[in-house]
Amino acid sequence: MSIYNYCVLASLGYSAALPHFLACGSPLHDGVSDKQLRDTEKLWFSSDNVKKANECIVEFIQGLRLPTIFNDKDDILHTSSDGKKVVVAVNSLLANYSYKYYGKEKGISVNSFVDEKQSFFHVNILTSSDREAPYMMDGLAKSKASVFRHTNLRERTSKKHIHSTDTHGYTEAIFAGLHFLDVSFAPRIAKVNKQTLYAYEAKSLQKNSNYFIAPNSVINKKLILDNWDDILRLMASIKLNYCSASQMFKMLSASAKDSELYRAMKEFGRLIKSKFILSYINDSDLRKAITKQLNRAELGQKLSEAIFFGRKGQLHVGTPEEMQCVMTCKTLLKNTIILWNYLFLSDYCCSSESNEEKQQIVESISSGSVISWRHINMHGVYDFDQKYIRSFKSTLKQMQNVRISF
């Protein structure tokens, strides 16, 4: 039985209601019984197993030669994340109401992570009332499927890592948190011109007061220094996975007045945020790179909608484990489609004998995106017993080592 075909069913929200699906006339092959599907789901189809399968596909994508054309700078790794609201049609403690996003329904938020090679390396779920920022930090700190672990990115100590989100994924405390994770936070902040810039000391505030863009407040150095040891202890615990960023940041900011440690984190983050805003205003290439990477994340959300079409795109599972499993299935399918696109394009490059023609093909691919699914029949027949048919003329080794010149 193909895990790909079963992932199709699970991602459509049918994993908890397969008997009803079969009774209504499923497109499955007659050789697959209800019991086989149930046994597969119970014995093998756990969130961890699907996550490991997704890791394998991401690692395979990272090992191909063609995706390197999307690396704008070899010494920089640029990733991004974006949240999407999903309606939950069953009772769930994780889902809540929000008329703005769900109307009269209730739902959750799903945060997806993508790298510049357009592979989706992590996904997590949260309530719609929670801010995405600490969960975004969770994804970077805890994800074992992260792109940083793969063969051609093991030199991450020498590579600068930039992560981008929209305004929903940004807080001043997260600037500080990602700094300790060796990640340069580069969000697209709405109304960035109205953001407060902070100086390190009062002398700097006075010295630069005549400039059009100048700091208008000073950070509280004493607050940072007094809590520095606790900040290091907190970030070491998060980095070593002894606790999650989302849990700790929610606890520290739960009271009406933020705890002293959380205020110290925000104070330190304000300094890093001020430096980023100045770079953002001054560097047009940075602004373009942020927008480009966020566009990939948003395009990935549209691919999610195309895949998650069953039952009007609503979740019919209620526990966090089941929700995570379904969302990871969807991520696995997205990466499967992207991998097939890369293999198809690599095969097309291998078939070209002219170097000039090959260069034109590569330039055409690099100016677009492999997050494309119009050629995929999402409503097709899921045949578990289909015989293997060779899809490409080139061998896998040829596609992995296709020559690409810039």
Protein backbone atom coordinates (compact mmCIF):
# COMPACT_ATOMS: atom_id res chain seq x y z
CA MET A 1 0.00 0.00 0.00
CA SER A 2 1.42 3.38 -0.99
CA ILE A 3 1.82 5.90 1.84
CA TYR A 4 1.37 8.66 -0.73
CA ASN A 5 -2.15 7.50 -1.56
CA TYR A 6 -3.06 7.14 2.08
CA CYS A 7 -1.70 10.64 2.75
CA VAL A 8 -4.11 11.90 0.12
CA LEU A 9 -7.02 10.49 2.11
CA ALA A 10 -5.76 11.72 5.46
CA SER A 11 -5.01 15.21 4.17
CA LEU A 12 -8.53 15.47 2.83
CA GLY A 13 -9.83 14.95 6.36
CA TYR A 14 -11.10 11.41 5.72
CA SER A 15 -8.76 9.54 8.10
CA ALA A 16 -11.36 9.52 10.90
CA ALA A 17 -14.31 8.70 8.65
CA LEU A 18 -13.02 6.27 6.04
CA PRO A 19 -15.92 3.78 6.39
CA HIS A 20 -18.42 6.48 5.47
CA PHE A 21 -16.18 7.55 2.60
CA LEU A 22 -16.00 4.00 1.27
CA ALA A 23 -19.74 3.45 1.66
CA CYS A 24 -20.46 6.56 -0.40
CA GLY A 25 -18.47 5.21 -3.32
CA SER A 26 -14.74 5.81 -2.90
CA PRO A 27 -12.30 6.12 -5.80
CA LEU A 28 -10.05 3.50 -4.17
CA HIS A 29 -9.00 0.29 -5.84
CA ASP A 30 -11.28 -2.64 -5.01
CA GLY A 31 -8.33 -4.59 -3.56
CA VAL A 32 -8.04 -2.24 -0.56
CA SER A 33 -10.45 -3.03 2.23
CA ASP A 34 -11.78 -0.92 5.06
CA LYS A 35 -9.85 -3.08 7.55
CA GLN A 36 -6.56 -2.52 5.74
CA LEU A 37 -7.04 1.22 5.89
CA ARG A 38 -7.97 1.12 9.58
CA ASP A 39 -4.98 -1.09 10.42
CA THR A 40 -2.64 1.20 8.49
CA GLU A 41 -3.99 4.23 10.32
CA LYS A 42 -3.73 2.67 13.79
CA LEU A 43 -0.38 0.93 13.41
CA TRP A 44 1.65 3.20 11.16
CA PHE A 45 -0.05 6.50 10.53
CA SER A 46 1.15 8.48 13.54
CA SER A 47 2.20 12.11 13.53
CA ASP A 48 5.84 11.10 14.13
CA ASN A 49 5.90 8.66 11.21
CA VAL A 50 4.43 11.19 8.80
CA LYS A 51 6.88 13.78 10.09
CA LYS A 52 9.79 11.40 9.39
CA ALA A 53 8.43 10.77 5.89
CA ASN A 54 8.29 14.51 5.32
CA GLU A 55 11.89 14.84 6.56
CA CYS A 56 12.99 12.31 3.94
CA ILE A 57 11.35 14.24 1.12
CA VAL A 58 12.76 17.57 2.31
CA GLU A 59 16.23 16.03 2.54
CA PHE A 60 15.85 14.63 -0.97
CA ILE A 61 14.87 18.07 -2.31
CA GLN A 62 17.86 19.63 -0.57
CA GLY A 63 20.14 17.07 -2.23
CA LEU A 64 19.07 17.96 -5.78
CA ARG A 65 21.16 20.32 -7.89
CA LEU A 66 18.31 22.24 -9.52
CA PRO A 67 16.90 23.87 -6.32
CA THR A 68 20.21 25.71 -5.82
CA ILE A 69 19.17 28.19 -8.52
CA PHE A 70 16.82 29.74 -5.95
CA ASN A 71 19.66 30.52 -3.53
CA ASP A 72 20.09 34.24 -4.04
CA LYS A 73 23.24 34.28 -1.87
CA ASP A 74 25.29 31.18 -1.04
CA ASP A 75 26.28 32.47 2.39
CA ILE A 76 22.70 33.22 3.48
CA LEU A 77 19.86 30.84 4.33
CA HIS A 78 16.47 32.57 4.11
CA THR A 79 13.33 30.91 5.48
CA SER A 80 9.83 32.16 6.21
CA SER A 81 6.60 31.13 7.92
CA ASP A 82 2.98 32.10 7.53
CA GLY A 83 -0.21 31.24 9.39
CA LYS A 84 -3.55 30.16 7.95
CA LYS A 85 -6.94 29.83 9.62
CA VAL A 86 -8.69 26.46 9.31
CA VAL A 87 -12.28 25.72 10.36
CA VAL A 88 -12.78 22.80 12.79
CA ALA A 89 -16.16 21.10 12.29
CA VAL A 90 -16.07 18.96 15.45
CA ASN A 91 -15.79 19.73 19.15
CA SER A 92 -12.22 20.54 20.13
CA LEU A 93 -10.54 22.22 23.08
CA LEU A 94 -8.00 23.76 20.71
CA ALA A 95 -10.57 25.43 18.43
CA ASN A 96 -12.35 28.65 19.34
CA TYR A 97 -14.71 31.16 17.75
CA SER A 98 -13.66 34.15 15.68
CA TYR A 99 -16.30 35.81 13.54
CA LYS A 100 -13.60 37.65 11.59
CA TYR A 101 -11.99 34.44 10.31
CA TYR A 102 -14.58 31.67 10.65
CA GLY A 103 -17.96 33.40 10.68
CA LYS A 104 -20.21 31.35 12.95
CA GLU A 105 -17.78 28.43 12.97
CA LYS A 106 -14.72 27.86 15.13
CA GLY A 107 -11.21 26.95 14.12
CA ILE A 108 -7.46 26.94 14.62
CA SER A 109 -4.37 28.50 13.04
CA VAL A 110 -1.81 26.47 11.11
CA ASN A 111 1.73 27.84 10.84
CA SER A 112 3.77 26.57 7.85
CA PHE A 113 7.53 26.99 7.35
CA VAL A 114 9.26 27.10 3.97
CA ASP A 115 12.85 27.63 2.85
CA GLU A 116 14.17 29.41 -0.24
CA LYS A 117 14.30 26.09 -2.13
CA GLN A 118 10.54 25.99 -1.55
CA SER A 119 10.43 22.87 0.59
CA PHE A 120 8.08 22.98 3.58
CA PHE A 121 10.15 21.75 6.49
CA HIS A 122 7.77 22.18 9.44
CA VAL A 123 4.15 22.86 10.42
CA ASN A 124 2.54 23.48 13.81
CA ILE A 125 -0.96 24.26 15.05
CA LEU A 126 -2.24 26.82 17.56
CA THR A 127 -5.48 28.39 18.66
CA SER A 128 -6.66 31.35 16.63
CA SER A 129 -6.51 33.56 19.74
CA ASP A 130 -2.76 32.95 20.19
CA ARG A 131 -0.19 35.10 18.46
CA GLU A 132 1.90 33.29 15.86
CA ALA A 133 5.24 34.72 17.02
CA PRO A 134 6.17 32.30 19.86
CA TYR A 135 4.94 29.31 17.83
CA MET A 136 7.12 30.47 14.96
CA MET A 137 10.05 30.39 17.38
CA ASP A 138 8.97 26.87 18.42
CA GLY A 139 9.18 25.76 14.81
CA LEU A 140 12.75 27.00 14.44
CA ALA A 141 13.93 25.75 17.85
CA LYS A 142 12.26 22.34 18.00
CA SER A 143 11.77 21.11 14.44
CA LYS A 144 13.88 18.05 13.73
CA ALA A 145 12.80 18.30 10.07
CA SER A 146 14.42 21.73 9.82
CA VAL A 147 16.39 22.48 6.67
CA PHE A 148 19.46 23.26 8.76
CA ARG A 149 20.06 19.55 9.39
CA HIS A 150 20.47 18.45 5.79
CA THR A 151 23.72 17.59 4.12
CA ASN A 152 24.37 20.72 2.10
CA LEU A 153 23.39 22.99 4.98
CA ARG A 154 25.39 21.49 7.81
CA GLU A 155 27.79 24.42 7.63
CA ARG A 156 25.11 26.61 9.20
CA THR A 157 27.65 27.97 11.70
CA SER A 158 29.25 29.82 8.78
CA LYS A 159 25.96 30.74 7.12
CA LYS A 160 23.75 33.60 8.16
CA HIS A 161 20.19 32.46 8.73
CA ILE A 162 17.36 34.95 8.12
CA HIS A 163 13.74 34.21 8.95
CA SER A 164 10.82 36.33 7.76
CA THR A 165 7.18 36.59 8.77
CA ASP A 166 4.40 39.11 8.38
CA THR A 167 3.31 41.42 11.22
CA HIS A 168 1.39 38.62 12.99
CA GLY A 169 4.64 36.73 13.54
CA TYR A 170 6.49 39.64 15.09
CA THR A 171 6.98 40.78 18.68
CA GLU A 172 9.88 42.61 20.27
CA ALA A 173 10.57 39.66 22.59
CA ILE A 174 10.87 37.35 19.56
CA PHE A 175 13.62 39.57 18.15
CA ALA A 176 15.59 38.80 21.31
CA GLY A 177 14.67 35.10 21.32
CA LEU A 178 15.74 34.45 17.74
CA HIS A 179 18.98 36.34 18.36
CA PHE A 180 19.96 33.64 20.87
CA LEU A 181 19.03 30.97 18.31
CA ASP A 182 21.49 32.53 15.82
CA VAL A 183 18.64 33.61 13.58
CA SER A 184 18.36 37.12 12.15
CA PHE A 185 14.69 38.04 12.35
CA ALA A 186 13.52 40.00 9.30
CA PRO A 187 9.73 40.47 9.45
CA ARG A 188 7.63 42.60 7.13
CA ILE A 189 6.19 45.00 9.70
CA ALA A 190 3.10 46.97 8.77
CA LYS A 191 3.53 50.76 9.03
CA VAL A 192 7.23 50.41 9.70
CA ASN A 193 7.58 54.19 9.45
CA LYS A 194 5.58 54.55 12.67
CA GLN A 195 7.75 52.14 14.66
CA THR A 196 9.72 53.55 17.60
CA LEU A 197 13.51 53.49 17.23
CA TYR A 198 15.57 52.96 20.38
CA ALA A 199 19.04 54.21 21.19
CA TYR A 200 21.51 52.40 23.42
CA GLU A 201 22.29 55.44 25.52
CA ALA A 202 21.09 59.02 26.00
CA LYS A 203 24.17 60.49 24.28
CA SER A 204 23.25 58.75 21.04
CA LEU A 205 19.69 60.03 21.35
CA GLN A 206 20.85 63.62 21.60
CA LYS A 207 23.55 63.26 18.95
CA ASN A 208 21.17 61.93 16.26
CA SER A 209 18.08 63.98 17.10
CA ASN A 210 18.45 66.22 14.03
CA TYR A 211 18.27 63.39 11.49
CA PHE A 212 15.04 62.62 9.59
CA ILE A 213 15.24 59.01 10.80
CA ALA A 214 16.42 59.05 14.39
CA PRO A 215 15.85 57.21 17.68
CA ASN A 216 13.33 58.81 20.01
CA SER A 217 13.68 56.61 23.06
CA VAL A 218 16.41 54.91 25.10
CA ILE A 219 16.45 51.27 26.20
CA ASN A 220 16.59 50.35 29.88
CA LYS A 221 20.07 48.85 30.16
CA LYS A 222 19.73 48.22 33.88
CA LEU A 223 16.64 46.04 33.36
CA ILE A 224 18.53 43.92 30.79
CA LEU A 225 21.65 43.52 32.93
CA ASP A 226 19.71 42.69 36.09
CA ASN A 227 17.91 39.86 34.28
CA TRP A 228 20.70 38.75 31.95
CA ASP A 229 21.40 35.45 33.72
CA ASP A 230 17.70 34.55 33.70
CA ILE A 231 17.47 35.43 30.00
CA LEU A 232 20.38 33.09 29.24
CA ARG A 233 18.85 30.36 31.40
CA LEU A 234 15.49 30.70 29.63
CA MET A 235 16.99 30.63 26.15
CA ALA A 236 19.26 27.67 26.98
CA SER A 237 16.19 25.73 28.14
CA ILE A 238 14.33 26.55 24.92
CA LYS A 239 17.31 25.76 22.72
CA LEU A 240 17.84 22.40 24.42
CA ASN A 241 14.12 21.60 24.10
CA TYR A 242 13.54 21.41 27.85
CA CYS A 243 10.57 23.72 27.33
CA SER A 244 8.80 25.37 24.40
CA ALA A 245 9.01 29.03 23.53
CA SER A 246 5.24 29.28 23.15
CA GLN A 247 4.59 27.96 26.67
CA MET A 248 7.24 30.12 28.34
CA PHE A 249 6.37 33.34 26.53
CA LYS A 250 2.66 32.86 27.24
CA MET A 251 3.38 32.30 30.93
CA LEU A 252 5.67 35.32 31.20
CA SER A 253 3.16 37.62 29.50
CA ALA A 254 -0.02 36.12 31.01
CA SER A 255 -0.54 38.66 33.79
CA ALA A 256 -1.93 42.15 33.30
CA LYS A 257 1.59 43.47 33.85
CA ASP A 258 4.39 41.59 32.09
CA SER A 259 6.92 39.84 34.30
CA GLU A 260 10.29 41.50 34.79
CA LEU A 261 12.03 38.79 32.76
CA TYR A 262 9.65 39.26 29.82
CA ARG A 263 10.09 43.03 29.98
CA ALA A 264 13.85 42.53 29.90
CA MET A 265 13.48 40.30 26.82
CA LYS A 266 11.39 42.97 25.10
CA GLU A 267 13.89 45.66 26.06
CA PHE A 268 16.76 43.71 24.51
CA GLY A 269 14.62 42.94 21.47
CA ARG A 270 13.90 46.63 20.93
CA LEU A 271 17.57 47.26 20.34
CA ILE A 272 17.77 44.47 17.74
CA LYS A 273 14.51 45.62 16.15
CA SER A 274 15.83 49.19 15.80
CA LYS A 275 18.93 47.91 14.01
CA PHE A 276 16.79 45.79 11.67
CA ILE A 277 14.45 48.68 10.80
CA LEU A 278 17.42 50.87 9.85
CA SER A 279 18.77 48.07 7.63
CA TYR A 280 15.29 47.50 6.16
CA ILE A 281 14.95 51.18 5.22
CA ASN A 282 18.47 51.42 3.82
CA ASP A 283 18.76 48.10 1.95
CA SER A 284 16.41 47.66 -1.01
CA ASP A 285 17.79 44.16 -1.69
CA LEU A 286 16.78 43.09 1.81
CA ARG A 287 13.24 44.37 1.28
CA LYS A 288 12.97 42.50 -2.01
CA ALA A 289 14.33 39.28 -0.47
CA ILE A 290 11.82 39.46 2.41
CA THR A 291 8.89 40.04 0.05
CA LYS A 292 10.07 37.26 -2.26
CA GLN A 293 10.36 34.74 0.55
CA LEU A 294 6.99 35.68 2.06
CA ASN A 295 5.38 35.32 -1.36
CA ARG A 296 6.62 31.71 -1.40
CA ALA A 297 4.95 31.08 1.95
CA GLU A 298 1.69 32.63 0.76
CA LEU A 299 1.81 30.62 -2.49
CA GLY A 300 2.26 27.53 -0.34
CA GLN A 301 -0.97 28.42 1.49
CA LYS A 302 -2.80 28.43 -1.85
CA LEU A 303 -1.36 25.00 -2.59
CA SER A 304 -2.67 23.89 0.80
CA GLU A 305 -6.17 25.01 -0.19
CA ALA A 306 -5.91 23.06 -3.45
CA ILE A 307 -4.88 19.88 -1.60
CA PHE A 308 -7.20 20.26 1.39
CA PHE A 309 -10.40 20.39 -0.66
CA GLY A 310 -12.47 17.63 1.01
CA ARG A 311 -15.42 18.66 3.20
CA LYS A 312 -15.00 22.31 2.26
CA GLY A 313 -11.49 22.39 3.72
CA GLN A 314 -12.73 21.81 7.26
CA LEU A 315 -11.04 19.66 9.88
CA HIS A 316 -13.08 16.75 11.22
CA VAL A 317 -10.68 15.71 13.97
CA GLY A 318 -10.56 17.32 17.40
CA THR A 319 -7.46 16.33 19.35
CA PRO A 320 -4.14 18.19 18.90
CA GLU A 321 -2.39 14.94 17.91
CA GLU A 322 -4.93 14.20 15.16
CA MET A 323 -4.87 17.77 13.91
CA GLN A 324 -1.07 17.76 13.79
CA CYS A 325 -1.13 14.48 11.89
CA VAL A 326 -3.56 15.80 9.26
CA MET A 327 -1.61 19.04 8.81
CA THR A 328 1.67 17.12 8.51
CA CYS A 329 0.00 14.89 5.88
CA LYS A 330 -0.91 17.98 3.95
CA THR A 331 2.67 19.25 4.21
CA LEU A 332 3.93 15.87 3.00
CA LEU A 333 1.69 16.11 -0.07
CA LYS A 334 2.87 19.65 -0.78
CA ASN A 335 6.49 18.51 -0.69
CA THR A 336 5.65 15.47 -2.83
CA ILE A 337 4.23 17.73 -5.54
CA ILE A 338 7.20 20.10 -5.30
CA LEU A 339 9.65 17.18 -5.49
CA TRP A 340 7.89 15.81 -8.58
CA ASN A 341 8.10 19.28 -10.17
CA TYR A 342 11.84 19.43 -9.47
CA LEU A 343 12.39 15.97 -10.96
CA PHE A 344 10.34 16.82 -14.04
CA LEU A 345 12.29 20.06 -14.59
CA SER A 346 15.61 18.31 -13.92
CA ASP A 347 14.69 15.65 -16.49
CA TYR A 348 13.80 18.40 -18.96
CA CYS A 349 17.20 20.05 -18.40
CA CYS A 350 18.97 16.72 -18.91
CA SER A 351 17.16 16.20 -22.21
CA SER A 352 18.58 19.42 -23.61
CA GLU A 353 21.86 18.90 -25.49
CA SER A 354 22.55 22.57 -26.15
CA ASN A 355 24.22 24.48 -23.30
CA GLU A 356 22.61 27.70 -24.51
CA GLU A 357 19.14 26.12 -24.45
CA LYS A 358 19.82 24.64 -21.02
CA GLN A 359 20.86 28.06 -19.72
CA GLN A 360 17.60 29.56 -21.01
CA ILE A 361 15.63 26.79 -19.29
CA VAL A 362 17.42 27.41 -15.97
CA GLU A 363 16.89 31.16 -16.17
CA SER A 364 13.20 30.62 -16.93
CA ILE A 365 12.82 28.30 -13.93
CA SER A 366 14.71 30.64 -11.58
CA SER A 367 12.42 33.54 -12.45
CA GLY A 368 9.32 31.58 -11.43
CA SER A 369 8.37 29.07 -8.75
CA VAL A 370 8.11 25.29 -8.44
CA ILE A 371 5.10 25.68 -6.15
CA SER A 372 2.74 24.84 -9.00
CA TRP A 373 -0.10 22.34 -9.11
CA ARG A 374 -2.26 23.08 -12.13
CA HIS A 375 -0.96 19.90 -13.80
CA ILE A 376 -1.99 17.79 -10.78
CA ASN A 377 -5.44 16.19 -10.85
CA MET A 378 -6.46 16.47 -7.20
CA HIS A 379 -9.80 14.73 -7.89
CA GLY A 380 -8.26 11.75 -9.66
CA VAL A 381 -8.50 8.04 -8.91
CA TYR A 382 -6.34 6.82 -6.03
CA ASP A 383 -5.10 3.42 -7.23
CA PHE A 384 -3.08 1.60 -4.57
CA ASP A 385 -2.12 -1.29 -6.86
CA GLN A 386 -1.03 0.64 -9.94
CA LYS A 387 2.00 -0.87 -11.66
CA TYR A 388 5.18 1.15 -11.74
CA ILE A 389 5.46 3.30 -14.86
CA ARG A 390 8.67 5.15 -15.62
CA SER A 391 7.90 8.89 -15.59
CA PHE A 392 11.26 10.29 -16.71
CA LYS A 393 13.79 9.53 -19.41
CA SER A 394 16.79 10.47 -17.27
CA THR A 395 18.04 8.38 -14.38
CA LEU A 396 17.83 9.66 -10.81
CA LYS A 397 21.60 10.10 -10.68
CA GLN A 398 21.53 12.21 -13.84
CA MET A 399 18.77 14.42 -12.43
CA GLN A 400 20.63 14.84 -9.13
CA ASN A 401 23.82 15.88 -10.93
CA VAL A 402 22.38 17.96 -13.74
CA ARG A 403 24.84 20.69 -14.71
CA ILE A 404 23.61 24.17 -13.95
CA SER A 405 25.57 27.28 -14.89
CA PHE A 406 24.71 30.82 -13.85
